[in-house]
Amino acid sequence: MTMTDTGVKPIPAYAPSEDGKPRNAVDEKWMRLHRAMMNRPARLAKKAQKIENSDRH
Protein backbone atom coordinates (compact mmCIF):
# COMPACT_ATOMS: atom_id res chain seq x y z
CA MET A 1 0.00 0.00 0.00
CA THR A 2 1.44 3.36 -0.92
CA MET A 3 1.47 6.52 1.12
CA THR A 4 0.08 9.75 -0.28
CA ASP A 5 1.75 13.14 0.10
CA THR A 6 -0.27 13.81 3.25
CA GLY A 7 0.82 10.54 4.84
CA VAL A 8 -2.66 8.98 4.80
CA LYS A 9 -3.05 5.43 3.56
CA PRO A 10 -5.93 4.81 1.13
CA ILE A 11 -8.62 2.43 2.37
CA PRO A 12 -8.73 -0.75 0.29
CA ALA A 13 -12.04 -1.67 -1.28
CA TYR A 14 -13.95 -4.48 0.38
CA ALA A 15 -14.96 -7.41 -1.79
CA PRO A 16 -17.23 -10.05 -0.22
CA SER A 17 -16.45 -13.73 -0.66
CA GLU A 18 -17.92 -15.60 -3.61
CA ASP A 19 -20.17 -17.84 -1.50
CA GLY A 20 -21.45 -15.01 0.71
CA LYS A 21 -20.03 -16.52 3.89
CA PRO A 22 -17.51 -14.64 6.03
CA ARG A 23 -13.91 -15.82 5.68
CA ASN A 24 -12.83 -14.41 9.05
CA ALA A 25 -13.87 -11.98 11.81
CA VAL A 26 -13.07 -8.94 9.64
CA ASP A 27 -15.31 -10.26 6.87
CA GLU A 28 -18.08 -10.87 9.38
CA LYS A 29 -17.79 -7.28 10.64
CA TRP A 30 -17.90 -5.81 7.12
CA MET A 31 -20.88 -7.97 6.19
CA ARG A 32 -22.77 -6.81 9.31
CA LEU A 33 -21.98 -3.18 8.48
CA HIS A 34 -23.05 -3.66 4.86
CA ARG A 35 -26.36 -5.28 5.86
CA ALA A 36 -27.01 -2.47 8.35
CA MET A 37 -26.33 0.13 5.65
CA MET A 38 -28.61 -1.61 3.16
CA ASN A 39 -31.44 -1.88 5.71
CA ARG A 40 -31.09 1.72 6.96
CA PRO A 41 -33.80 3.31 4.75
CA ALA A 42 -36.30 0.64 5.81
CA ARG A 43 -35.40 1.11 9.49
CA LEU A 44 -35.78 4.89 9.22
CA ALA A 45 -39.14 4.55 7.47
CA LYS A 46 -40.32 2.09 10.11
CA LYS A 47 -39.18 4.43 12.89
CA ALA A 48 -40.94 7.42 11.26
CA GLN A 49 -44.12 5.36 10.88
CA LYS A 50 -43.94 4.35 14.53
CA ILE A 51 -43.51 7.98 15.65
CA GLU A 52 -46.34 9.11 13.37
CA ASN A 53 -48.66 6.44 14.76
CA SER A 54 -47.81 7.35 18.35
CA ASP A 55 -48.57 11.03 17.61
CA ARG A 56 -52.07 10.13 16.41
CA HIS A 57 -53.00 8.34 19.64
PDB file of N, CA and C in Angstrom:
ATOM      1  N   MET A   1       0.856  -1.167   0.000  1.00  0.00           N
ATOM      2  CA  MET A   1       0.000   0.000   0.000  1.00  0.00           C
ATOM      3  C   MET A   1       0.903   1.231   0.000  1.00  0.00           C
ATOM      4  N   THR A   2       0.588   2.182  -0.815  1.00  0.00           N
ATOM      5  CA  THR A   2       1.443   3.364  -0.917  1.00  0.00           C
ATOM      6  C   THR A   2       0.929   4.490  -0.038  1.00  0.00           C
ATOM      7  N   MET A   3       1.832   5.351   0.319  1.00  0.00           N
ATOM      8  CA  MET A   3       1.469   6.522   1.119  1.00  0.00           C
ATOM      9  C   MET A   3       1.240   7.697   0.171  1.00  0.00           C
ATOM     10  N   THR A   4       0.309   8.540   0.512  1.00  0.00           N
ATOM     11  CA  THR A   4       0.084   9.749  -0.275  1.00  0.00           C
ATOM     12  C   THR A   4       0.971  10.855   0.272  1.00  0.00           C
ATOM     13  N   ASP A   5       0.934  12.010  -0.354  1.00  0.00           N
ATOM     14  CA  ASP A   5       1.751  13.142   0.097  1.00  0.00           C
ATOM     15  C   ASP A   5       1.396  13.570   1.509  1.00  0.00           C
ATOM     16  N   THR A   6       0.152  13.384   1.915  1.00  0.00           N
ATOM     17  CA  THR A   6      -0.271  13.806   3.250  1.00  0.00           C
ATOM     18  C   THR A   6       0.024  12.748   4.303  1.00  0.00           C
ATOM     19  N   GLY A   7       0.489  11.590   3.885  1.00  0.00           N
ATOM     20  CA  GLY A   7       0.820  10.543   4.843  1.00  0.00           C
ATOM     21  C   GLY A   7      -0.362   9.677   5.226  1.00  0.00           C
ATOM     22  N   VAL A   8      -1.458   9.765   4.495  1.00  0.00           N
ATOM     23  CA  VAL A   8      -2.657   8.985   4.798  1.00  0.00           C
ATOM     24  C   VAL A   8      -2.723   7.801   3.843  1.00  0.00           C
ATOM     25  N   LYS A   9      -2.931   6.620   4.394  1.00  0.00           N
ATOM     26  CA  LYS A   9      -3.047   5.430   3.556  1.00  0.00           C
ATOM     27  C   LYS A   9      -4.457   5.342   2.979  1.00  0.00           C
ATOM     28  N   PRO A  10      -4.591   4.999   1.701  1.00  0.00           N
ATOM     29  CA  PRO A  10      -5.932   4.809   1.134  1.00  0.00           C
ATOM     30  C   PRO A  10      -6.584   3.555   1.715  1.00  0.00           C
ATOM     31  N   ILE A  11      -7.881   3.577   1.840  1.00  0.00           N
ATOM     32  CA  ILE A  11      -8.623   2.435   2.368  1.00  0.00           C
ATOM     33  C   ILE A  11      -8.878   1.459   1.216  1.00  0.00           C
ATOM     34  N   PRO A  12      -8.480   0.213   1.365  1.00  0.00           N
ATOM     35  CA  PRO A  12      -8.727  -0.749   0.290  1.00  0.00           C
ATOM     36  C   PRO A  12     -10.223  -1.053   0.166  1.00  0.00           C
ATOM     37  N   ALA A  13     -10.638  -1.337  -1.047  1.00  0.00           N
ATOM     38  CA  ALA A  13     -12.044  -1.666  -1.280  1.00  0.00           C
ATOM     39  C   ALA A  13     -12.344  -3.036  -0.692  1.00  0.00           C
ATOM     40  N   TYR A  14     -13.542  -3.202  -0.176  1.00  0.00           N
ATOM     41  CA  TYR A  14     -13.953  -4.484   0.385  1.00  0.00           C
ATOM     42  C   TYR A  14     -14.679  -5.285  -0.683  1.00  0.00           C
ATOM     43  N   ALA A  15     -14.292  -6.516  -0.856  1.00  0.00           N
ATOM     44  CA  ALA A  15     -14.963  -7.413  -1.793  1.00  0.00           C
ATOM     45  C   ALA A  15     -15.423  -8.639  -1.012  1.00  0.00           C
ATOM     46  N   PRO A  16     -16.736  -8.888  -0.958  1.00  0.00           N
ATOM     47  CA  PRO A  16     -17.232 -10.051  -0.218  1.00  0.00           C
ATOM     48  C   PRO A  16     -16.798 -11.358  -0.887  1.00  0.00           C
ATOM     49  N   SER A  17     -16.832 -12.424  -0.124  1.00  0.00           N
ATOM     50  CA  SER A  17     -16.445 -13.725  -0.663  1.00  0.00           C
ATOM     51  C   SER A  17     -17.475 -14.195  -1.683  1.00  0.00           C
ATOM     52  N   GLU A  18     -17.062 -15.095  -2.532  1.00  0.00           N
ATOM     53  CA  GLU A  18     -17.924 -15.604  -3.607  1.00  0.00           C
ATOM     54  C   GLU A  18     -19.184 -16.284  -3.075  1.00  0.00           C
ATOM     55  N   ASP A  19     -19.037 -17.074  -2.012  1.00  0.00           N
ATOM     56  CA  ASP A  19     -20.173 -17.844  -1.503  1.00  0.00           C
ATOM     57  C   ASP A  19     -21.047 -17.057  -0.524  1.00  0.00           C
ATOM     58  N   GLY A  20     -20.642 -15.828  -0.194  1.00  0.00           N
ATOM     59  CA  GLY A  20     -21.447 -15.009   0.706  1.00  0.00           C
ATOM     60  C   GLY A  20     -21.247 -15.299   2.179  1.00  0.00           C
ATOM     61  N   LYS A  21     -20.309 -16.186   2.490  1.00  0.00           N
ATOM     62  CA  LYS A  21     -20.029 -16.524   3.887  1.00  0.00           C
ATOM     63  C   LYS A  21     -18.754 -15.809   4.325  1.00  0.00           C
ATOM     64  N   PRO A  22     -18.715 -15.335   5.572  1.00  0.00           N
ATOM     65  CA  PRO A  22     -17.508 -14.639   6.030  1.00  0.00           C
ATOM     66  C   PRO A  22     -16.299 -15.565   6.091  1.00  0.00           C
ATOM     67  N   ARG A  23     -15.154 -15.045   5.654  1.00  0.00           N
ATOM     68  CA  ARG A  23     -13.909 -15.818   5.684  1.00  0.00           C
ATOM     69  C   ARG A  23     -13.246 -15.737   7.051  1.00  0.00           C
ATOM     70  N   ASN A  24     -13.461 -14.608   7.737  1.00  0.00           N
ATOM     71  CA  ASN A  24     -12.835 -14.410   9.048  1.00  0.00           C
ATOM     72  C   ASN A  24     -13.638 -13.353   9.816  1.00  0.00           C
ATOM     73  N   ALA A  25     -13.153 -12.938  10.963  1.00  0.00           N
ATOM     74  CA  ALA A  25     -13.873 -11.976  11.805  1.00  0.00           C
ATOM     75  C   ALA A  25     -14.011 -10.622  11.119  1.00  0.00           C
ATOM     76  N   VAL A  26     -13.011 -10.228  10.347  1.00  0.00           N
ATOM     77  CA  VAL A  26     -13.073  -8.944   9.643  1.00  0.00           C
ATOM     78  C   VAL A  26     -14.179  -8.991   8.595  1.00  0.00           C
ATOM     79  N   ASP A  27     -14.245 -10.085   7.852  1.00  0.00           N
ATOM     80  CA  ASP A  27     -15.314 -10.262   6.867  1.00  0.00           C
ATOM     81  C   ASP A  27     -16.681 -10.187   7.539  1.00  0.00           C
ATOM     82  N   GLU A  28     -16.811 -10.854   8.660  1.00  0.00           N
ATOM     83  CA  GLU A  28     -18.081 -10.872   9.379  1.00  0.00           C
ATOM     84  C   GLU A  28     -18.491  -9.455   9.776  1.00  0.00           C
ATOM     85  N   LYS A  29     -17.521  -8.668  10.242  1.00  0.00           N
ATOM     86  CA  LYS A  29     -17.794  -7.284  10.638  1.00  0.00           C
ATOM     87  C   LYS A  29     -18.256  -6.468   9.434  1.00  0.00           C
ATOM     88  N   TRP A  30     -17.535  -6.568   8.307  1.00  0.00           N
ATOM     89  CA  TRP A  30     -17.901  -5.806   7.117  1.00  0.00           C
ATOM     90  C   TRP A  30     -19.270  -6.222   6.594  1.00  0.00           C
ATOM     91  N   MET A  31     -19.581  -7.500   6.661  1.00  0.00           N
ATOM     92  CA  MET A  31     -20.884  -7.974   6.186  1.00  0.00           C
ATOM     93  C   MET A  31     -22.004  -7.436   7.069  1.00  0.00           C
ATOM     94  N   ARG A  32     -21.776  -7.388   8.390  1.00  0.00           N
ATOM     95  CA  ARG A  32     -22.768  -6.809   9.305  1.00  0.00           C
ATOM     96  C   ARG A  32     -22.981  -5.333   8.998  1.00  0.00           C
ATOM     97  N   LEU A  33     -21.882  -4.607   8.798  1.00  0.00           N
ATOM     98  CA  LEU A  33     -21.984  -3.183   8.485  1.00  0.00           C
ATOM     99  C   LEU A  33     -22.709  -2.960   7.159  1.00  0.00           C
ATOM    100  N   HIS A  34     -22.411  -3.788   6.172  1.00  0.00           N
ATOM    101  CA  HIS A  34     -23.051  -3.664   4.863  1.00  0.00           C
ATOM    102  C   HIS A  34     -24.557  -3.931   4.961  1.00  0.00           C
ATOM    103  N   ARG A  35     -24.935  -4.981   5.694  1.00  0.00           N
ATOM    104  CA  ARG A  35     -26.365  -5.275   5.865  1.00  0.00           C
ATOM    105  C   ARG A  35     -27.071  -4.136   6.583  1.00  0.00           C
ATOM    106  N   ALA A  36     -26.418  -3.582   7.600  1.00  0.00           N
ATOM    107  CA  ALA A  36     -27.010  -2.467   8.346  1.00  0.00           C
ATOM    108  C   ALA A  36     -27.203  -1.263   7.431  1.00  0.00           C
ATOM    109  N   MET A  37     -26.215  -0.996   6.573  1.00  0.00           N
ATOM    110  CA  MET A  37     -26.326   0.130   5.653  1.00  0.00           C
ATOM    111  C   MET A  37     -27.454  -0.093   4.646  1.00  0.00           C
ATOM    112  N   MET A  38     -27.573  -1.310   4.148  1.00  0.00           N
ATOM    113  CA  MET A  38     -28.605  -1.609   3.158  1.00  0.00           C
ATOM    114  C   MET A  38     -30.004  -1.545   3.769  1.00  0.00           C
ATOM    115  N   ASN A  39     -30.136  -1.886   5.047  1.00  0.00           N
ATOM    116  CA  ASN A  39     -31.442  -1.883   5.707  1.00  0.00           C
ATOM    117  C   ASN A  39     -31.793  -0.535   6.321  1.00  0.00           C
ATOM    118  N   ARG A  40     -30.880   0.437   6.286  1.00  0.00           N
ATOM    119  CA  ARG A  40     -31.092   1.717   6.964  1.00  0.00           C
ATOM    120  C   ARG A  40     -32.347   2.454   6.482  1.00  0.00           C
ATOM    121  N   PRO A  41     -32.583   2.598   5.175  1.00  0.00           N
ATOM    122  CA  PRO A  41     -33.797   3.307   4.747  1.00  0.00           C
ATOM    123  C   PRO A  41     -35.078   2.660   5.284  1.00  0.00           C
ATOM    124  N   ALA A  42     -35.115   1.340   5.294  1.00  0.00           N
ATOM    125  CA  ALA A  42     -36.297   0.638   5.806  1.00  0.00           C
ATOM    126  C   ALA A  42     -36.457   0.879   7.307  1.00  0.00           C
ATOM    127  N   ARG A  43     -35.334   0.860   8.042  1.00  0.00           N
ATOM    128  CA  ARG A  43     -35.396   1.112   9.489  1.00  0.00           C
ATOM    129  C   ARG A  43     -35.868   2.527   9.776  1.00  0.00           C
ATOM    130  N   LEU A  44     -35.369   3.501   9.008  1.00  0.00           N
ATOM    131  CA  LEU A  44     -35.777   4.890   9.220  1.00  0.00           C
ATOM    132  C   LEU A  44     -37.258   5.081   8.902  1.00  0.00           C
ATOM    133  N   ALA A  45     -37.732   4.450   7.833  1.00  0.00           N
ATOM    134  CA  ALA A  45     -39.142   4.554   7.470  1.00  0.00           C
ATOM    135  C   ALA A  45     -40.016   3.919   8.544  1.00  0.00           C
ATOM    136  N   LYS A  46     -39.578   2.785   9.054  1.00  0.00           N
ATOM    137  CA  LYS A  46     -40.323   2.091  10.107  1.00  0.00           C
ATOM    138  C   LYS A  46     -40.374   2.945  11.372  1.00  0.00           C
ATOM    139  N   LYS A  47     -39.249   3.576  11.702  1.00  0.00           N
ATOM    140  CA  LYS A  47     -39.182   4.432  12.887  1.00  0.00           C
ATOM    141  C   LYS A  47     -40.091   5.650  12.714  1.00  0.00           C
ATOM    142  N   ALA A  48     -40.085   6.261  11.533  1.00  0.00           N
ATOM    143  CA  ALA A  48     -40.935   7.419  11.261  1.00  0.00           C
ATOM    144  C   ALA A  48     -42.407   7.029  11.348  1.00  0.00           C
ATOM    145  N   GLN A  49     -42.744   5.858  10.822  1.00  0.00           N
ATOM    146  CA  GLN A  49     -44.119   5.362  10.878  1.00  0.00           C
ATOM    147  C   GLN A  49     -44.544   5.152  12.327  1.00  0.00           C
ATOM    148  N   LYS A  50     -43.655   4.604  13.126  1.00  0.00           N
ATOM    149  CA  LYS A  50     -43.942   4.346  14.535  1.00  0.00           C
ATOM    150  C   LYS A  50     -44.186   5.666  15.277  1.00  0.00           C
ATOM    151  N   ILE A  51     -43.352   6.671  15.015  1.00  0.00           N
ATOM    152  CA  ILE A  51     -43.511   7.983  15.651  1.00  0.00           C
ATOM    153  C   ILE A  51     -44.813   8.631  15.200  1.00  0.00           C
ATOM    154  N   GLU A  52     -45.110   8.526  13.913  1.00  0.00           N
ATOM    155  CA  GLU A  52     -46.340   9.111  13.374  1.00  0.00           C
ATOM    156  C   GLU A  52     -47.568   8.457  14.001  1.00  0.00           C
ATOM    157  N   ASN A  53     -47.531   7.148  14.154  1.00  0.00           N
ATOM    158  CA  ASN A  53     -48.657   6.435  14.757  1.00  0.00           C
ATOM    159  C   ASN A  53     -48.817   6.798  16.227  1.00  0.00           C
ATOM    160  N   SER A  54     -47.711   6.996  16.930  1.00  0.00           N
ATOM    161  CA  SER A  54     -47.807   7.346  18.346  1.00  0.00           C
ATOM    162  C   SER A  54     -48.314   8.776  18.521  1.00  0.00           C
ATOM    163  N   ASP A  55     -48.069   9.653  17.551  1.00  0.00           N
ATOM    164  CA  ASP A  55     -48.568  11.027  17.614  1.00  0.00           C
ATOM    165  C   ASP A  55     -50.080  11.082  17.419  1.00  0.00           C
ATOM    166  N   ARG A  56     -50.619  10.144  16.676  1.00  0.00           N
ATOM    167  CA  ARG A  56     -52.065  10.127  16.407  1.00  0.00           C
ATOM    168  C   ARG A  56     -52.867   9.686  17.624  1.00  0.00           C
ATOM    169  N   HIS A  57     -52.265   8.893  18.493  1.00  0.00           N
ATOM    170  CA  HIS A  57     -53.000   8.343  19.642  1.00  0.00           C
ATOM    171  C   HIS A  57     -52.730   9.099  20.891  1.00  0.00           C
TER     172      HIS A  57
END
